[in-house]
C-alpha atoms as a PDB file:
ATOM      1  CA  UNK A   1     -26.930 -25.052 -65.384  1.00  0.00           C
ATOM      2  CA  UNK A   2     -27.898 -22.071 -67.355  1.00  0.00           C
ATOM      3  CA  UNK A   3     -27.907 -18.727 -66.205  1.00  0.00           C
ATOM      4  CA  UNK A   4     -29.884 -17.565 -69.245  1.00  0.00           C
ATOM      5  CA  UNK A   5     -33.100 -16.329 -68.217  1.00  0.00           C
ATOM      6  CA  UNK A   6     -36.486 -18.045 -70.029  1.00  0.00           C
ATOM      7  CA  UNK A   7     -39.407 -15.568 -70.680  1.00  0.00           C
ATOM      8  CA  UNK A   8     -43.116 -16.958 -71.858  1.00  0.00           C
ATOM      9  CA  UNK A   9     -45.120 -14.502 -72.821  1.00  0.00           C
ATOM     10  CA  UNK A  10     -49.107 -15.973 -71.876  1.00  0.00           C
ATOM     11  CA  UNK A  11     -51.417 -15.620 -75.155  1.00  0.00           C
ATOM     12  CA  UNK A  12     -54.147 -13.420 -73.519  1.00  0.00           C
ATOM     13  CA  UNK A  13     -56.771 -15.501 -75.847  1.00  0.00           C
ATOM     14  CA  UNK A  14     -55.552 -18.858 -75.077  1.00  0.00           C
ATOM     15  CA  UNK A  15     -54.445 -18.953 -71.853  1.00  0.00           C
ATOM     16  CA  UNK A  16     -51.064 -20.679 -72.944  1.00  0.00           C
ATOM     17  CA  UNK A  17     -47.808 -19.938 -72.952  1.00  0.00           C
ATOM     18  CA  UNK A  18     -46.592 -19.126 -76.852  1.00  0.00           C
ATOM     19  CA  UNK A  19     -44.448 -21.719 -78.189  1.00  0.00           C
ATOM     20  CA  UNK A  20     -41.923 -19.575 -79.722  1.00  0.00           C
ATOM     21  CA  UNK A  21     -40.825 -18.256 -76.333  1.00  0.00           C
ATOM     22  CA  UNK A  22     -37.746 -16.811 -76.702  1.00  0.00           C
ATOM     23  CA  UNK A  23     -34.697 -16.081 -74.074  1.00  0.00           C
ATOM     24  CA  UNK A  24     -35.520 -12.868 -71.729  1.00  0.00           C
ATOM     25  CA  UNK A  25     -33.864 -10.640 -69.319  1.00  0.00           C
ATOM     26  CA  UNK A  26     -34.908 -10.690 -66.222  1.00  0.00           C
ATOM     27  CA  UNK A  27     -36.951  -7.976 -64.347  1.00  0.00           C
ATOM     28  CA  UNK A  28     -35.517  -6.350 -60.922  1.00  0.00           C
ATOM     29  CA  UNK A  29     -37.119  -7.825 -58.621  1.00  0.00           C
ATOM     30  CA  UNK A  30     -37.257  -4.588 -56.109  1.00  0.00           C
ATOM     31  CA  UNK A  31     -40.776  -2.894 -57.720  1.00  0.00           C
ATOM     32  CA  UNK A  32     -43.407  -3.012 -55.300  1.00  0.00           C
ATOM     33  CA  UNK A  33     -46.770  -5.006 -55.160  1.00  0.00           C
ATOM     34  CA  UNK A  34     -50.097  -3.944 -54.788  1.00  0.00           C
ATOM     35  CA  UNK A  35     -52.681  -6.791 -53.631  1.00  0.00           C
ATOM     36  CA  UNK A  36     -56.444  -5.945 -54.863  1.00  0.00           C
ATOM     37  CA  UNK A  37     -58.920  -7.239 -56.868  1.00  0.00           C
ATOM     38  CA  UNK A  38     -62.687  -6.985 -57.859  1.00  0.00           C
ATOM     39  CA  UNK A  39     -64.903 -10.089 -58.535  1.00  0.00           C
ATOM     40  CA  UNK A  40     -67.688 -11.127 -60.004  1.00  0.00           C
ATOM     41  CA  UNK A  41     -70.001 -14.612 -60.092  1.00  0.00           C
ATOM     42  CA  UNK A  42     -68.712 -17.740 -58.653  1.00  0.00           C
ATOM     43  CA  UNK A  43     -68.418 -20.732 -61.649  1.00  0.00           C
ATOM     44  CA  UNK A  44     -66.965 -24.051 -61.814  1.00  0.00           C
ATOM     45  CA  UNK A  45     -63.442 -24.573 -62.507  1.00  0.00           C
ATOM     46  CA  UNK A  46     -62.202 -26.253 -66.052  1.00  0.00           C
ATOM     47  CA  UNK A  47     -58.635 -26.705 -66.863  1.00  0.00           C
ATOM     48  CA  UNK A  48     -57.570 -25.882 -70.792  1.00  0.00           C
ATOM     49  CA  UNK A  49     -54.489 -27.628 -71.726  1.00  0.00           C
ATOM     50  CA  UNK A  50     -51.341 -26.383 -73.585  1.00  0.00           C
ATOM     51  CA  UNK A  51     -51.045 -27.009 -77.553  1.00  0.00           C
ATOM     52  CA  UNK A  52     -48.158 -28.096 -77.352  1.00  0.00           C
ATOM     53  CA  UNK A  53     -46.644 -31.941 -76.319  1.00  0.00           C
ATOM     54  CA  UNK A  54     -44.725 -31.020 -72.416  1.00  0.00           C
ATOM     55  CA  UNK A  55     -41.470 -32.717 -71.557  1.00  0.00           C
ATOM     56  CA  UNK A  56     -40.728 -35.191 -69.191  1.00  0.00           C
ATOM     57  CA  UNK A  57     -40.708 -33.423 -65.452  1.00  0.00           C
ATOM     58  CA  UNK A  58     -43.199 -34.023 -63.028  1.00  0.00           C
ATOM     59  CA  UNK A  59     -44.393 -31.575 -59.918  1.00  0.00           C
ATOM     60  CA  UNK A  60     -42.672 -32.925 -56.698  1.00  0.00           C
ATOM     61  CA  UNK A  61     -43.911 -30.862 -53.014  1.00  0.00           C
ATOM     62  CA  UNK A  62     -41.189 -30.675 -50.583  1.00  0.00           C
ATOM     63  CA  UNK A  63     -37.685 -28.779 -50.517  1.00  0.00           C
ATOM     64  CA  UNK A  64     -34.485 -29.390 -52.698  1.00  0.00           C
ATOM     65  CA  UNK A  65     -31.915 -30.795 -51.288  1.00  0.00           C
ATOM     66  CA  UNK A  66     -27.837 -29.367 -52.002  1.00  0.00           C
ATOM     67  CA  UNK A  67     -27.163 -32.329 -54.028  1.00  0.00           C
ATOM     68  CA  UNK A  68     -30.046 -32.736 -55.992  1.00  0.00           C
ATOM     69  CA  UNK A  69     -29.557 -32.898 -59.706  1.00  0.00           C
ATOM     70  CA  UNK A  70     -31.318 -29.557 -60.818  1.00  0.00           C
ATOM     71  CA  UNK A  71     -33.346 -30.383 -63.762  1.00  0.00           C
ATOM     72  CA  UNK A  72     -35.332 -27.215 -65.338  1.00  0.00           C
ATOM     73  CA  UNK A  73     -39.140 -27.388 -65.295  1.00  0.00           C
ATOM     74  CA  UNK A  74     -40.616 -27.206 -68.901  1.00  0.00           C
ATOM     75  CA  UNK A  75     -43.206 -24.011 -70.084  1.00  0.00           C
ATOM     76  CA  UNK A  76     -46.141 -26.338 -69.641  1.00  0.00           C
ATOM     77  CA  UNK A  77     -44.737 -27.404 -65.744  1.00  0.00           C
ATOM     78  CA  UNK A  78     -45.022 -23.815 -64.811  1.00  0.00           C
ATOM     79  CA  UNK A  79     -48.381 -22.782 -66.343  1.00  0.00           C
ATOM     80  CA  UNK A  80     -50.130 -26.241 -65.134  1.00  0.00           C
ATOM     81  CA  UNK A  81     -48.971 -24.892 -61.990  1.00  0.00           C
ATOM     82  CA  UNK A  82     -50.618 -21.461 -62.232  1.00  0.00           C
ATOM     83  CA  UNK A  83     -53.916 -23.538 -62.855  1.00  0.00           C
ATOM     84  CA  UNK A  84     -54.001 -24.668 -59.917  1.00  0.00           C
ATOM     85  CA  UNK A  85     -54.254 -21.281 -58.231  1.00  0.00           C
ATOM     86  CA  UNK A  86     -58.020 -20.498 -58.128  1.00  0.00           C
ATOM     87  CA  UNK A  87     -59.255 -17.107 -57.881  1.00  0.00           C
ATOM     88  CA  UNK A  88     -61.508 -17.722 -54.270  1.00  0.00           C
ATOM     89  CA  UNK A  89     -64.512 -15.528 -55.602  1.00  0.00           C
ATOM     90  CA  UNK A  90     -64.320 -16.416 -59.496  1.00  0.00           C
ATOM     91  CA  UNK A  91     -63.747 -20.049 -58.961  1.00  0.00           C
ATOM     92  CA  UNK A  92     -61.496 -19.971 -61.913  1.00  0.00           C
ATOM     93  CA  UNK A  93     -57.768 -20.610 -62.216  1.00  0.00           C
ATOM     94  CA  UNK A  94     -55.274 -17.225 -62.979  1.00  0.00           C
ATOM     95  CA  UNK A  95     -54.442 -18.473 -66.122  1.00  0.00           C
ATOM     96  CA  UNK A  96     -58.004 -18.663 -67.571  1.00  0.00           C
ATOM     97  CA  UNK A  97     -59.065 -15.411 -65.918  1.00  0.00           C
ATOM     98  CA  UNK A  98     -55.543 -13.618 -67.876  1.00  0.00           C
ATOM     99  CA  UNK A  99     -54.137 -12.445 -64.769  1.00  0.00           C
ATOM    100  CA  UNK A 100     -50.650 -13.658 -65.056  1.00  0.00           C
ATOM    101  CA  UNK A 101     -48.756 -11.600 -68.256  1.00  0.00           C
ATOM    102  CA  UNK A 102     -45.620 -13.545 -67.796  1.00  0.00           C
ATOM    103  CA  UNK A 103     -43.465 -16.268 -67.314  1.00  0.00           C
ATOM    104  CA  UNK A 104     -39.660 -15.659 -66.371  1.00  0.00           C
ATOM    105  CA  UNK A 105     -37.503 -18.554 -64.748  1.00  0.00           C
ATOM    106  CA  UNK A 106     -33.330 -18.927 -64.753  1.00  0.00           C
ATOM    107  CA  UNK A 107     -31.989 -21.537 -62.693  1.00  0.00           C
ATOM    108  CA  UNK A 108     -34.054 -22.354 -60.094  1.00  0.00           C
ATOM    109  CA  UNK A 109     -36.128 -18.703 -59.787  1.00  0.00           C
ATOM    110  CA  UNK A 110     -39.103 -18.353 -61.319  1.00  0.00           C
ATOM    111  CA  UNK A 111     -40.314 -14.737 -61.461  1.00  0.00           C
ATOM    112  CA  UNK A 112     -44.226 -13.995 -62.850  1.00  0.00           C
ATOM    113  CA  UNK A 113     -45.762 -10.961 -63.673  1.00  0.00           C
ATOM    114  CA  UNK A 114     -49.324 -10.837 -63.109  1.00  0.00           C
ATOM    115  CA  UNK A 115     -52.622  -9.010 -61.928  1.00  0.00           C
ATOM    116  CA  UNK A 116     -55.530  -8.702 -60.454  1.00  0.00           C
ATOM    117  CA  UNK A 117     -58.972  -7.897 -61.632  1.00  0.00           C
ATOM    118  CA  UNK A 118     -58.936  -4.983 -60.002  1.00  0.00           C
ATOM    119  CA  UNK A 119     -56.800  -3.088 -57.627  1.00  0.00           C
ATOM    120  CA  UNK A 120     -60.036  -3.659 -54.944  1.00  0.00           C
ATOM    121  CA  UNK A 121     -59.577  -7.372 -54.427  1.00  0.00           C
ATOM    122  CA  UNK A 122     -59.941  -9.119 -50.516  1.00  0.00           C
ATOM    123  CA  UNK A 123     -58.088 -11.812 -52.240  1.00  0.00           C
ATOM    124  CA  UNK A 124     -55.615 -10.582 -53.845  1.00  0.00           C
ATOM    125  CA  UNK A 125     -52.692 -11.970 -50.987  1.00  0.00           C
ATOM    126  CA  UNK A 126     -54.305 -15.110 -50.919  1.00  0.00           C
ATOM    127  CA  UNK A 127     -54.296 -15.366 -55.024  1.00  0.00           C
ATOM    128  CA  UNK A 128     -50.497 -14.306 -54.847  1.00  0.00           C
ATOM    129  CA  UNK A 129     -49.584 -16.599 -52.329  1.00  0.00           C
ATOM    130  CA  UNK A 130     -50.888 -18.883 -53.717  1.00  0.00           C
ATOM    131  CA  UNK A 131     -48.919 -18.261 -56.864  1.00  0.00           C
ATOM    132  CA  UNK A 132     -45.710 -18.636 -54.735  1.00  0.00           C
ATOM    133  CA  UNK A 133     -46.306 -21.941 -52.915  1.00  0.00           C
ATOM    134  CA  UNK A 134     -47.554 -23.674 -56.202  1.00  0.00           C
ATOM    135  CA  UNK A 135     -44.176 -22.618 -57.827  1.00  0.00           C
ATOM    136  CA  UNK A 136     -42.263 -23.576 -55.516  1.00  0.00           C
ATOM    137  CA  UNK A 137     -43.457 -27.406 -55.214  1.00  0.00           C
ATOM    138  CA  UNK A 138     -41.972 -28.199 -58.547  1.00  0.00           C
ATOM    139  CA  UNK A 139     -38.623 -29.893 -58.924  1.00  0.00           C
ATOM    140  CA  UNK A 140     -36.318 -27.484 -60.014  1.00  0.00           C
ATOM    141  CA  UNK A 141     -37.504 -24.384 -58.903  1.00  0.00           C
ATOM    142  CA  UNK A 142     -36.008 -23.388 -54.997  1.00  0.00           C
ATOM    143  CA  UNK A 143     -37.828 -19.502 -55.655  1.00  0.00           C
ATOM    144  CA  UNK A 144     -40.951 -18.322 -56.870  1.00  0.00           C
ATOM    145  CA  UNK A 145     -41.755 -14.399 -57.223  1.00  0.00           C
ATOM    146  CA  UNK A 146     -44.865 -12.548 -57.554  1.00  0.00           C
ATOM    147  CA  UNK A 147     -44.621  -9.633 -58.861  1.00  0.00           C
ATOM    148  CA  UNK A 148     -48.043  -7.380 -59.259  1.00  0.00           C
ATOM    149  CA  UNK A 149     -48.840  -4.893 -61.585  1.00  0.00           C
ATOM    150  CA  UNK A 150     -52.222  -2.527 -62.831  1.00  0.00           C
ATOM    151  CA  UNK A 151     -50.286  -2.129 -65.798  1.00  0.00           C
ATOM    152  CA  UNK A 152     -51.768  -2.344 -68.029  1.00  0.00           C
ATOM    153  CA  UNK A 153     -55.444  -3.104 -66.266  1.00  0.00           C
ATOM    154  CA  UNK A 154     -57.083  -6.575 -66.350  1.00  0.00           C
ATOM    155  CA  UNK A 155     -60.351  -6.378 -68.704  1.00  0.00           C
ATOM    156  CA  UNK A 156     -62.283  -9.455 -69.346  1.00  0.00           C
ATOM    157  CA  UNK A 157     -60.704  -9.846 -72.744  1.00  0.00           C
ATOM    158  CA  UNK A 158     -58.036 -11.239 -71.564  1.00  0.00           C
ATOM    159  CA  UNK A 159     -60.177 -14.425 -70.039  1.00  0.00           C
ATOM    160  CA  UNK A 160     -60.007 -17.477 -72.149  1.00  0.00           C
ATOM    161  CA  UNK A 161     -63.526 -18.444 -73.875  1.00  0.00           C
ATOM    162  CA  UNK A 162     -64.103 -21.397 -71.161  1.00  0.00           C
ATOM    163  CA  UNK A 163     -63.709 -18.537 -68.473  1.00  0.00           C
ATOM    164  CA  UNK A 164     -66.108 -16.274 -70.358  1.00  0.00           C
ATOM    165  CA  UNK A 165     -68.265 -18.806 -70.942  1.00  0.00           C
ATOM    166  CA  UNK A 166     -68.166 -20.203 -67.198  1.00  0.00           C
ATOM    167  CA  UNK A 167     -68.855 -16.346 -66.042  1.00  0.00           C
ATOM    168  CA  UNK A 168     -71.637 -16.252 -68.997  1.00  0.00           C
ATOM    169  CA  UNK A 169     -70.117 -13.511 -70.465  1.00  0.00           C
ATOM    170  CA  UNK A 170     -70.262 -13.662 -74.198  1.00  0.00           C
END
């Protein structure tokens, strides 16, 4: 088991983790959250795959027992778990929308820094709850914390090309 924190910066252009992710200090857990966002026209979901090879380790639902051997989740598993979280109004996952700014993990805890499309999103609490639950289903994760920030503000420039195509933004 390690106490080293790993940070996965998310590239706005690709919606993928950086293949050069380096250890970074974990952010303090006492920041306030603002659960709000604005949406546009709905579209169909298309999953995108990271370009680097995934390490072994499949998500598993359920709780983790104290005697269970700890397996650190790989970067791809964390991002794929967040790809399962769909904005209910846009029908696009939060990774492709560019809402996730960073993912930090230490031991059995994951901290995600993300935003919403605007400070008035009625789906904000649902998106945050689903992100937390999706991460906590992964093998090796006992706790997920979602930190909401509005800085920097979200712009359509953060979306992947596939997400822009789905929304008709050219």
